[in-house]
């Protein structure tokens, strides 16, 4: 029991920040991301004995977090409003050019088809290699690399039309 506790605490210390960043990217809400990470670590504690390779811990935890996020939608029914939450932006609250650029970049990434968006986010935010992404998504590594290439190209094309990214503010 003591060695399980030590392994678990080491996982939490090492990977909490990465899991929170990925969870926040998924849901765009700090409290929900914290809940997702907490539930992820709870499930990880229960199944820690099934983790045989410590090098696979990050991928294993990301997979748990993705499934927890999916469960969130299974349990909750959303009320639809006449306005899309992402379309209502208070530009005065966003005070800096960098904040605007970051928001636009997040929006452009969110508009990518899921098959391209998910590997890109895992690579950029999670720091995963193509091989690790392939294992997590149950895909061939070449398929992942092709999707990453296409995701970057689509993102580049959509950003080329944005004057903000070209330094042309009106």
N, C-alpha and C. Protein backbone atom coordinates (compact mmCIF):
# COMPACT_ATOMS: atom_id res chain seq x y z
N UNK A 1 0.83 -1.20 0.00
CA UNK A 1 0.00 0.00 0.00
C UNK A 1 0.87 1.25 0.00
N UNK A 2 1.97 1.22 0.75
CA UNK A 2 2.84 2.40 0.83
C UNK A 2 3.49 2.69 -0.52
N UNK A 3 3.89 1.64 -1.24
CA UNK A 3 4.52 1.88 -2.55
C UNK A 3 3.50 2.41 -3.55
N UNK A 4 2.24 1.97 -3.44
CA UNK A 4 1.19 2.50 -4.31
C UNK A 4 1.00 3.99 -4.05
N UNK A 5 0.99 4.37 -2.79
CA UNK A 5 0.84 5.78 -2.42
C UNK A 5 1.99 6.61 -2.96
N UNK A 6 3.20 6.10 -2.87
CA UNK A 6 4.38 6.81 -3.35
C UNK A 6 4.31 6.98 -4.87
N UNK A 7 3.95 5.90 -5.59
CA UNK A 7 3.80 5.97 -7.05
C UNK A 7 2.74 7.00 -7.43
N UNK A 8 1.63 6.96 -6.72
CA UNK A 8 0.52 7.86 -7.02
C UNK A 8 0.92 9.32 -6.79
N UNK A 9 1.53 9.61 -5.67
CA UNK A 9 1.95 10.97 -5.37
C UNK A 9 2.98 11.48 -6.38
N UNK A 10 3.85 10.60 -6.84
CA UNK A 10 4.84 10.98 -7.86
C UNK A 10 4.13 11.33 -9.17
N UNK A 11 3.11 10.54 -9.53
CA UNK A 11 2.34 10.84 -10.75
C UNK A 11 1.64 12.19 -10.64
N UNK A 12 1.02 12.44 -9.51
CA UNK A 12 0.30 13.70 -9.32
C UNK A 12 1.26 14.87 -9.43
N UNK A 13 2.37 14.80 -8.73
CA UNK A 13 3.35 15.89 -8.77
C UNK A 13 3.89 16.12 -10.18
N UNK A 14 4.19 15.06 -10.88
CA UNK A 14 4.83 15.17 -12.19
C UNK A 14 3.87 15.62 -13.29
N UNK A 15 2.61 15.20 -13.20
CA UNK A 15 1.72 15.38 -14.35
C UNK A 15 0.50 16.25 -14.11
N UNK A 16 0.32 16.75 -12.92
CA UNK A 16 -0.87 17.55 -12.62
C UNK A 16 -0.98 18.76 -13.55
N UNK A 17 0.10 19.49 -13.75
CA UNK A 17 0.08 20.69 -14.59
C UNK A 17 -0.28 20.38 -16.04
N UNK A 18 0.31 19.33 -16.58
CA UNK A 18 0.02 18.94 -17.96
C UNK A 18 -1.44 18.54 -18.11
N UNK A 19 -1.95 17.78 -17.16
CA UNK A 19 -3.35 17.35 -17.24
C UNK A 19 -4.29 18.54 -17.12
N UNK A 20 -3.96 19.48 -16.23
CA UNK A 20 -4.82 20.66 -16.08
C UNK A 20 -4.84 21.48 -17.37
N UNK A 21 -3.67 21.70 -17.98
CA UNK A 21 -3.63 22.47 -19.23
C UNK A 21 -4.46 21.80 -20.31
N UNK A 22 -4.35 20.49 -20.44
CA UNK A 22 -5.11 19.77 -21.46
C UNK A 22 -6.61 19.83 -21.12
N UNK A 23 -6.95 19.62 -19.86
CA UNK A 23 -8.36 19.70 -19.45
C UNK A 23 -8.94 21.07 -19.68
N UNK A 24 -8.16 22.10 -19.39
CA UNK A 24 -8.63 23.47 -19.61
C UNK A 24 -8.84 23.74 -21.09
N UNK A 25 -7.94 23.22 -21.91
CA UNK A 25 -8.09 23.40 -23.34
C UNK A 25 -9.38 22.72 -23.83
N UNK A 26 -9.70 21.57 -23.26
CA UNK A 26 -10.90 20.85 -23.68
C UNK A 26 -12.18 21.59 -23.32
N UNK A 27 -12.24 22.15 -22.11
CA UNK A 27 -13.52 22.68 -21.61
C UNK A 27 -13.56 24.20 -21.48
N UNK A 28 -12.43 24.89 -21.51
CA UNK A 28 -12.35 26.35 -21.39
C UNK A 28 -12.95 26.88 -20.09
N UNK A 29 -12.88 26.10 -19.04
CA UNK A 29 -13.43 26.51 -17.75
C UNK A 29 -12.51 25.96 -16.66
N UNK A 30 -11.98 26.86 -15.84
CA UNK A 30 -11.00 26.47 -14.83
C UNK A 30 -11.57 25.46 -13.84
N UNK A 31 -12.77 25.71 -13.33
CA UNK A 31 -13.36 24.81 -12.34
C UNK A 31 -13.66 23.43 -12.93
N UNK A 32 -14.17 23.42 -14.15
CA UNK A 32 -14.46 22.13 -14.79
C UNK A 32 -13.16 21.38 -15.04
N UNK A 33 -12.13 22.10 -15.48
CA UNK A 33 -10.82 21.46 -15.71
C UNK A 33 -10.27 20.87 -14.42
N UNK A 34 -10.40 21.60 -13.32
CA UNK A 34 -9.95 21.09 -12.03
C UNK A 34 -10.72 19.83 -11.64
N UNK A 35 -12.04 19.85 -11.88
CA UNK A 35 -12.86 18.66 -11.59
C UNK A 35 -12.45 17.47 -12.46
N UNK A 36 -12.18 17.74 -13.73
CA UNK A 36 -11.75 16.67 -14.63
C UNK A 36 -10.44 16.05 -14.15
N UNK A 37 -9.50 16.90 -13.77
CA UNK A 37 -8.20 16.40 -13.30
C UNK A 37 -8.38 15.62 -12.01
N UNK A 38 -9.20 16.12 -11.10
CA UNK A 38 -9.43 15.42 -9.84
C UNK A 38 -10.05 14.05 -10.09
N UNK A 39 -11.05 14.00 -10.97
CA UNK A 39 -11.70 12.72 -11.28
C UNK A 39 -10.73 11.78 -12.00
N UNK A 40 -9.87 12.36 -12.84
CA UNK A 40 -8.86 11.55 -13.53
C UNK A 40 -7.93 10.90 -12.53
N UNK A 41 -7.45 11.67 -11.56
CA UNK A 41 -6.54 11.10 -10.57
C UNK A 41 -7.25 10.11 -9.64
N UNK A 42 -8.53 10.33 -9.36
CA UNK A 42 -9.29 9.36 -8.57
C UNK A 42 -9.37 8.02 -9.30
N UNK A 43 -9.70 8.07 -10.59
CA UNK A 43 -9.77 6.84 -11.38
C UNK A 43 -8.38 6.21 -11.51
N UNK A 44 -7.36 7.05 -11.62
CA UNK A 44 -6.00 6.53 -11.72
C UNK A 44 -5.60 5.80 -10.43
N UNK A 45 -5.99 6.33 -9.29
CA UNK A 45 -5.69 5.68 -8.01
C UNK A 45 -6.31 4.28 -7.97
N UNK A 46 -7.57 4.21 -8.40
CA UNK A 46 -8.28 2.93 -8.37
C UNK A 46 -7.65 1.89 -9.30
N UNK A 47 -7.07 2.36 -10.40
CA UNK A 47 -6.53 1.44 -11.40
C UNK A 47 -5.01 1.49 -11.49
N UNK A 48 -4.35 2.03 -10.48
CA UNK A 48 -2.90 2.23 -10.54
C UNK A 48 -2.15 0.92 -10.74
N UNK A 49 -2.67 -0.16 -10.20
CA UNK A 49 -1.99 -1.45 -10.36
C UNK A 49 -1.98 -1.92 -11.81
N UNK A 50 -2.88 -1.41 -12.62
CA UNK A 50 -2.91 -1.81 -14.03
C UNK A 50 -1.86 -1.08 -14.86
N UNK A 51 -1.25 -0.03 -14.31
CA UNK A 51 -0.20 0.70 -15.01
C UNK A 51 1.13 -0.04 -14.79
N UNK A 52 1.56 -0.72 -15.84
CA UNK A 52 2.78 -1.53 -15.73
C UNK A 52 4.03 -0.74 -16.14
N UNK A 53 3.89 0.16 -17.10
CA UNK A 53 5.03 0.91 -17.61
C UNK A 53 4.89 2.38 -17.18
N UNK A 54 5.77 2.83 -16.32
CA UNK A 54 5.72 4.20 -15.82
C UNK A 54 5.90 5.23 -16.95
N UNK A 55 6.56 4.84 -18.04
CA UNK A 55 6.77 5.75 -19.16
C UNK A 55 5.45 6.04 -19.88
N UNK A 56 4.48 5.17 -19.72
CA UNK A 56 3.18 5.33 -20.38
C UNK A 56 2.18 6.08 -19.49
N UNK A 57 2.62 6.54 -18.34
CA UNK A 57 1.70 7.15 -17.37
C UNK A 57 1.01 8.39 -17.93
N UNK A 58 1.74 9.24 -18.61
CA UNK A 58 1.13 10.48 -19.13
C UNK A 58 0.06 10.15 -20.16
N UNK A 59 0.35 9.26 -21.08
CA UNK A 59 -0.64 8.85 -22.08
C UNK A 59 -1.86 8.22 -21.42
N UNK A 60 -1.61 7.40 -20.44
CA UNK A 60 -2.67 6.71 -19.71
C UNK A 60 -3.58 7.73 -19.02
N UNK A 61 -2.98 8.71 -18.36
CA UNK A 61 -3.77 9.72 -17.66
C UNK A 61 -4.53 10.63 -18.63
N UNK A 62 -3.92 10.98 -19.75
CA UNK A 62 -4.60 11.80 -20.76
C UNK A 62 -5.82 11.04 -21.30
N UNK A 63 -5.66 9.75 -21.52
CA UNK A 63 -6.79 8.94 -22.00
C UNK A 63 -7.91 8.94 -20.97
N UNK A 64 -7.58 8.80 -19.71
CA UNK A 64 -8.60 8.84 -18.65
C UNK A 64 -9.29 10.20 -18.65
N UNK A 65 -8.51 11.27 -18.76
CA UNK A 65 -9.09 12.61 -18.76
C UNK A 65 -10.02 12.82 -19.96
N UNK A 66 -9.62 12.36 -21.13
CA UNK A 66 -10.49 12.48 -22.31
C UNK A 66 -11.80 11.74 -22.09
N UNK A 67 -11.73 10.58 -21.49
CA UNK A 67 -12.95 9.81 -21.23
C UNK A 67 -13.82 10.48 -20.17
N UNK A 68 -13.18 11.07 -19.18
CA UNK A 68 -13.95 11.81 -18.16
C UNK A 68 -14.66 13.00 -18.80
N UNK A 69 -13.99 13.68 -19.69
CA UNK A 69 -14.62 14.81 -20.38
C UNK A 69 -15.81 14.32 -21.20
N UNK A 70 -15.68 13.19 -21.86
CA UNK A 70 -16.79 12.64 -22.63
C UNK A 70 -17.95 12.26 -21.71
N UNK A 71 -17.65 11.71 -20.55
CA UNK A 71 -18.71 11.34 -19.59
C UNK A 71 -19.49 12.57 -19.13
N UNK A 72 -18.79 13.68 -19.05
CA UNK A 72 -19.44 14.93 -18.65
C UNK A 72 -20.59 15.26 -19.59
N UNK A 73 -20.43 15.01 -20.86
CA UNK A 73 -21.47 15.31 -21.84
C UNK A 73 -22.57 14.25 -21.83
N UNK A 74 -22.23 13.04 -21.42
CA UNK A 74 -23.24 11.99 -21.33
C UNK A 74 -24.21 12.28 -20.20
N UNK A 75 -23.71 12.88 -19.13
CA UNK A 75 -24.52 13.11 -17.94
C UNK A 75 -25.33 14.39 -18.00
N UNK A 76 -24.90 15.35 -18.79
CA UNK A 76 -25.49 16.68 -18.74
C UNK A 76 -26.20 17.01 -20.04
N UNK A 77 -27.35 17.59 -19.94
CA UNK A 77 -28.06 18.09 -21.10
C UNK A 77 -27.94 19.61 -21.08
N UNK A 78 -27.52 20.17 -22.19
CA UNK A 78 -27.28 21.60 -22.26
C UNK A 78 -28.53 22.33 -22.76
N UNK A 79 -28.78 23.48 -22.17
CA UNK A 79 -29.83 24.35 -22.67
C UNK A 79 -29.23 25.17 -23.80
N UNK A 80 -29.94 25.24 -24.88
CA UNK A 80 -29.44 26.00 -26.02
C UNK A 80 -29.95 27.43 -25.91
N UNK A 81 -29.05 28.36 -26.06
CA UNK A 81 -29.45 29.77 -26.05
C UNK A 81 -29.42 30.27 -27.49
N UNK A 82 -29.98 31.45 -27.70
CA UNK A 82 -30.02 31.96 -29.07
C UNK A 82 -28.66 32.49 -29.52
N UNK A 83 -27.71 32.63 -28.58
CA UNK A 83 -26.38 33.10 -28.94
C UNK A 83 -25.36 32.04 -28.60
N UNK A 84 -24.44 31.85 -29.50
CA UNK A 84 -23.32 30.95 -29.26
C UNK A 84 -22.36 31.65 -28.29
N UNK A 85 -21.97 30.96 -27.26
CA UNK A 85 -21.11 31.55 -26.23
C UNK A 85 -19.81 32.11 -26.82
N UNK A 86 -19.25 31.42 -27.81
CA UNK A 86 -17.99 31.88 -28.39
C UNK A 86 -18.16 33.13 -29.25
N UNK A 87 -19.37 33.44 -29.68
CA UNK A 87 -19.55 34.60 -30.55
C UNK A 87 -19.69 35.90 -29.76
N UNK A 88 -19.92 35.80 -28.46
CA UNK A 88 -20.06 37.00 -27.64
C UNK A 88 -18.74 37.22 -26.91
N UNK A 89 -17.96 38.18 -27.40
CA UNK A 89 -16.66 38.45 -26.83
C UNK A 89 -16.60 39.91 -26.42
N UNK A 90 -16.20 40.16 -25.19
CA UNK A 90 -16.03 41.53 -24.72
C UNK A 90 -14.59 41.94 -25.04
N UNK A 91 -14.43 42.64 -26.15
CA UNK A 91 -13.08 42.99 -26.59
C UNK A 91 -12.41 43.99 -25.66
N UNK A 92 -13.19 44.77 -24.90
CA UNK A 92 -12.56 45.71 -23.97
C UNK A 92 -11.94 44.97 -22.79
N UNK A 93 -12.51 43.81 -22.45
CA UNK A 93 -11.93 43.04 -21.36
C UNK A 93 -10.62 42.40 -21.78
N UNK A 94 -10.45 42.20 -23.07
CA UNK A 94 -9.20 41.64 -23.57
C UNK A 94 -8.29 42.81 -23.89
N UNK A 95 -7.35 43.04 -23.03
CA UNK A 95 -6.58 44.26 -23.12
C UNK A 95 -5.35 44.25 -24.00
N UNK A 96 -4.86 43.13 -24.36
CA UNK A 96 -3.59 43.09 -25.06
C UNK A 96 -3.71 42.38 -26.40
N UNK A 97 -2.86 42.77 -27.31
CA UNK A 97 -2.84 42.14 -28.63
C UNK A 97 -2.61 40.64 -28.52
N UNK A 98 -1.74 40.25 -27.61
CA UNK A 98 -1.42 38.82 -27.45
C UNK A 98 -2.66 38.04 -27.02
N UNK A 99 -3.46 38.61 -26.15
CA UNK A 99 -4.68 37.94 -25.73
C UNK A 99 -5.62 37.75 -26.91
N UNK A 100 -5.71 38.76 -27.75
CA UNK A 100 -6.56 38.66 -28.94
C UNK A 100 -6.05 37.58 -29.88
N UNK A 101 -4.75 37.58 -30.10
CA UNK A 101 -4.16 36.58 -30.98
C UNK A 101 -4.36 35.18 -30.42
N UNK A 102 -4.16 35.02 -29.12
CA UNK A 102 -4.35 33.70 -28.50
C UNK A 102 -5.78 33.22 -28.64
N UNK A 103 -6.72 34.12 -28.42
CA UNK A 103 -8.13 33.77 -28.55
C UNK A 103 -8.47 33.37 -29.99
N UNK A 104 -7.95 34.13 -30.94
CA UNK A 104 -8.21 33.82 -32.34
C UNK A 104 -7.59 32.48 -32.72
N UNK A 105 -6.41 32.23 -32.22
CA UNK A 105 -5.73 30.97 -32.51
C UNK A 105 -6.52 29.80 -31.92
N UNK A 106 -7.00 29.95 -30.70
CA UNK A 106 -7.82 28.89 -30.08
C UNK A 106 -9.08 28.65 -30.90
N UNK A 107 -9.70 29.73 -31.37
CA UNK A 107 -10.91 29.59 -32.20
C UNK A 107 -10.60 28.86 -33.50
N UNK A 108 -9.49 29.23 -34.12
CA UNK A 108 -9.12 28.58 -35.39
C UNK A 108 -8.82 27.10 -35.16
N UNK A 109 -8.16 26.78 -34.07
CA UNK A 109 -7.90 25.37 -33.77
C UNK A 109 -9.21 24.64 -33.49
N UNK A 110 -10.11 25.28 -32.76
CA UNK A 110 -11.40 24.67 -32.45
C UNK A 110 -12.23 24.42 -33.71
N UNK A 111 -12.01 25.20 -34.76
CA UNK A 111 -12.76 25.04 -36.01
C UNK A 111 -12.22 23.91 -36.88
N UNK A 112 -11.03 23.42 -36.56
CA UNK A 112 -10.49 22.30 -37.33
C UNK A 112 -11.37 21.07 -37.12
N UNK A 113 -11.48 20.21 -38.12
CA UNK A 113 -12.20 18.95 -37.90
C UNK A 113 -11.54 18.17 -36.77
N UNK A 114 -12.32 17.46 -35.99
CA UNK A 114 -11.80 16.76 -34.81
C UNK A 114 -10.65 15.83 -35.15
N UNK A 115 -10.73 15.16 -36.30
CA UNK A 115 -9.68 14.21 -36.67
C UNK A 115 -8.32 14.90 -36.81
N UNK A 116 -8.30 16.22 -37.10
CA UNK A 116 -7.06 16.97 -37.19
C UNK A 116 -6.77 17.72 -35.90
N UNK A 117 -7.82 18.22 -35.26
CA UNK A 117 -7.66 19.03 -34.05
C UNK A 117 -7.06 18.21 -32.91
N UNK A 118 -7.58 17.02 -32.68
CA UNK A 118 -7.15 16.25 -31.52
C UNK A 118 -5.66 15.89 -31.55
N UNK A 119 -5.14 15.37 -32.65
CA UNK A 119 -3.69 15.10 -32.66
C UNK A 119 -2.85 16.37 -32.50
N UNK A 120 -3.31 17.47 -33.10
CA UNK A 120 -2.57 18.73 -32.99
C UNK A 120 -2.50 19.21 -31.55
N UNK A 121 -3.62 19.15 -30.86
CA UNK A 121 -3.65 19.58 -29.45
C UNK A 121 -2.78 18.66 -28.60
N UNK A 122 -2.85 17.36 -28.84
CA UNK A 122 -2.01 16.44 -28.07
C UNK A 122 -0.53 16.71 -28.29
N UNK A 123 -0.18 17.07 -29.52
CA UNK A 123 1.23 17.35 -29.81
C UNK A 123 1.67 18.68 -29.22
N UNK A 124 0.87 19.72 -29.45
CA UNK A 124 1.27 21.07 -29.04
C UNK A 124 1.14 21.26 -27.53
N UNK A 125 -0.02 20.93 -26.96
CA UNK A 125 -0.22 21.15 -25.53
C UNK A 125 0.32 20.01 -24.68
N UNK A 126 0.17 18.79 -25.17
CA UNK A 126 0.60 17.64 -24.39
C UNK A 126 2.05 17.28 -24.58
N UNK A 127 2.65 17.73 -25.68
CA UNK A 127 4.04 17.42 -25.93
C UNK A 127 4.28 15.98 -26.36
N UNK A 128 3.25 15.32 -26.88
CA UNK A 128 3.38 13.92 -27.27
C UNK A 128 4.02 13.78 -28.64
N UNK A 129 4.71 12.68 -28.81
CA UNK A 129 5.29 12.35 -30.11
C UNK A 129 4.20 11.74 -30.98
N UNK A 130 4.48 11.61 -32.26
CA UNK A 130 3.53 11.01 -33.18
C UNK A 130 3.18 9.58 -32.76
N UNK A 131 4.16 8.85 -32.30
CA UNK A 131 3.94 7.47 -31.87
C UNK A 131 3.02 7.40 -30.64
N UNK A 132 3.25 8.30 -29.68
CA UNK A 132 2.40 8.34 -28.48
C UNK A 132 0.96 8.72 -28.82
N UNK A 133 0.82 9.68 -29.73
CA UNK A 133 -0.52 10.09 -30.16
C UNK A 133 -1.22 8.93 -30.85
N UNK A 134 -0.49 8.21 -31.68
CA UNK A 134 -1.07 7.06 -32.38
C UNK A 134 -1.59 6.02 -31.39
N UNK A 135 -0.85 5.76 -30.33
CA UNK A 135 -1.29 4.80 -29.31
C UNK A 135 -2.55 5.30 -28.61
N UNK A 136 -2.57 6.59 -28.25
CA UNK A 136 -3.71 7.14 -27.53
C UNK A 136 -4.98 7.13 -28.36
N UNK A 137 -4.85 7.40 -29.64
CA UNK A 137 -6.02 7.51 -30.51
C UNK A 137 -6.30 6.22 -31.29
N UNK A 138 -5.50 5.20 -31.01
CA UNK A 138 -5.64 3.90 -31.69
C UNK A 138 -5.57 4.06 -33.21
N UNK A 139 -4.53 4.77 -33.65
CA UNK A 139 -4.31 5.01 -35.07
C UNK A 139 -2.91 4.57 -35.45
N UNK A 140 -2.69 4.42 -36.74
CA UNK A 140 -1.37 4.16 -37.28
C UNK A 140 -0.55 5.44 -37.15
N UNK A 141 0.75 5.31 -36.89
CA UNK A 141 1.60 6.49 -36.73
C UNK A 141 1.60 7.34 -38.00
N UNK A 142 1.63 6.71 -39.18
CA UNK A 142 1.62 7.47 -40.43
C UNK A 142 0.33 8.26 -40.58
N UNK A 143 -0.77 7.71 -40.13
CA UNK A 143 -2.05 8.42 -40.17
C UNK A 143 -1.98 9.65 -39.28
N UNK A 144 -1.41 9.50 -38.10
CA UNK A 144 -1.27 10.63 -37.19
C UNK A 144 -0.39 11.72 -37.80
N UNK A 145 0.72 11.32 -38.40
CA UNK A 145 1.62 12.31 -38.98
C UNK A 145 0.95 13.05 -40.15
N UNK A 146 0.17 12.32 -40.93
CA UNK A 146 -0.56 12.96 -42.03
C UNK A 146 -1.58 13.95 -41.49
N UNK A 147 -2.29 13.55 -40.43
CA UNK A 147 -3.29 14.44 -39.84
C UNK A 147 -2.65 15.68 -39.22
N UNK A 148 -1.49 15.51 -38.61
CA UNK A 148 -0.79 16.66 -38.05
C UNK A 148 -0.36 17.62 -39.16
N UNK A 149 0.15 17.07 -40.25
CA UNK A 149 0.55 17.89 -41.39
C UNK A 149 -0.64 18.66 -41.94
N UNK A 150 -1.75 17.98 -42.12
CA UNK A 150 -2.95 18.62 -42.67
C UNK A 150 -3.51 19.65 -41.69
N UNK A 151 -3.46 19.35 -40.40
CA UNK A 151 -3.95 20.30 -39.40
C UNK A 151 -3.15 21.59 -39.44
N UNK A 152 -1.84 21.46 -39.50
CA UNK A 152 -0.99 22.65 -39.56
C UNK A 152 -1.25 23.46 -40.83
N UNK A 153 -1.42 22.76 -41.95
CA UNK A 153 -1.69 23.46 -43.21
C UNK A 153 -3.03 24.17 -43.16
N UNK A 154 -4.07 23.52 -42.63
CA UNK A 154 -5.37 24.16 -42.55
C UNK A 154 -5.32 25.36 -41.61
N UNK A 155 -4.61 25.22 -40.51
CA UNK A 155 -4.48 26.32 -39.56
C UNK A 155 -3.72 27.48 -40.20
N UNK A 156 -2.66 27.17 -40.90
CA UNK A 156 -1.87 28.20 -41.57
C UNK A 156 -2.74 28.95 -42.59
N UNK A 157 -3.50 28.22 -43.40
CA UNK A 157 -4.36 28.85 -44.41
C UNK A 157 -5.41 29.75 -43.77
N UNK A 158 -6.00 29.29 -42.67
CA UNK A 158 -7.04 30.11 -42.03
C UNK A 158 -6.44 31.34 -41.37
N UNK A 159 -5.20 31.27 -40.92
CA UNK A 159 -4.56 32.42 -40.29
C UNK A 159 -4.01 33.42 -41.30
N UNK A 160 -3.71 32.96 -42.50
CA UNK A 160 -3.19 33.87 -43.52
C UNK A 160 -4.21 34.94 -43.90
N UNK A 161 -5.49 34.61 -43.73
CA UNK A 161 -6.54 35.57 -44.07
C UNK A 161 -6.82 36.55 -42.93
N UNK A 162 -6.18 36.38 -41.80
CA UNK A 162 -6.42 37.23 -40.64
C UNK A 162 -5.38 38.35 -40.59
N UNK A 163 -5.80 39.62 -40.73
CA UNK A 163 -4.84 40.73 -40.72
C UNK A 163 -4.10 40.84 -39.39
N UNK A 164 -4.72 40.38 -38.29
CA UNK A 164 -4.09 40.50 -36.98
C UNK A 164 -2.77 39.71 -36.95
N UNK A 165 -2.74 38.56 -37.63
CA UNK A 165 -1.54 37.75 -37.60
C UNK A 165 -0.49 38.24 -38.59
N UNK A 166 -0.88 39.16 -39.43
CA UNK A 166 0.07 39.74 -40.37
C UNK A 166 0.56 41.10 -39.90
N UNK A 167 0.15 41.50 -38.70
CA UNK A 167 0.57 42.78 -38.16
C UNK A 167 -0.16 43.95 -38.78
N UNK A 168 -1.33 43.71 -39.35
CA UNK A 168 -2.09 44.76 -40.01
C UNK A 168 -3.33 45.09 -39.21
N UNK A 169 -3.20 45.93 -38.23
CA UNK A 169 -4.36 46.32 -37.42
C UNK A 169 -5.04 47.51 -38.08
N UNK A 170 -6.35 47.46 -38.15
CA UNK A 170 -7.13 48.55 -38.76
C UNK A 170 -7.64 49.49 -37.72
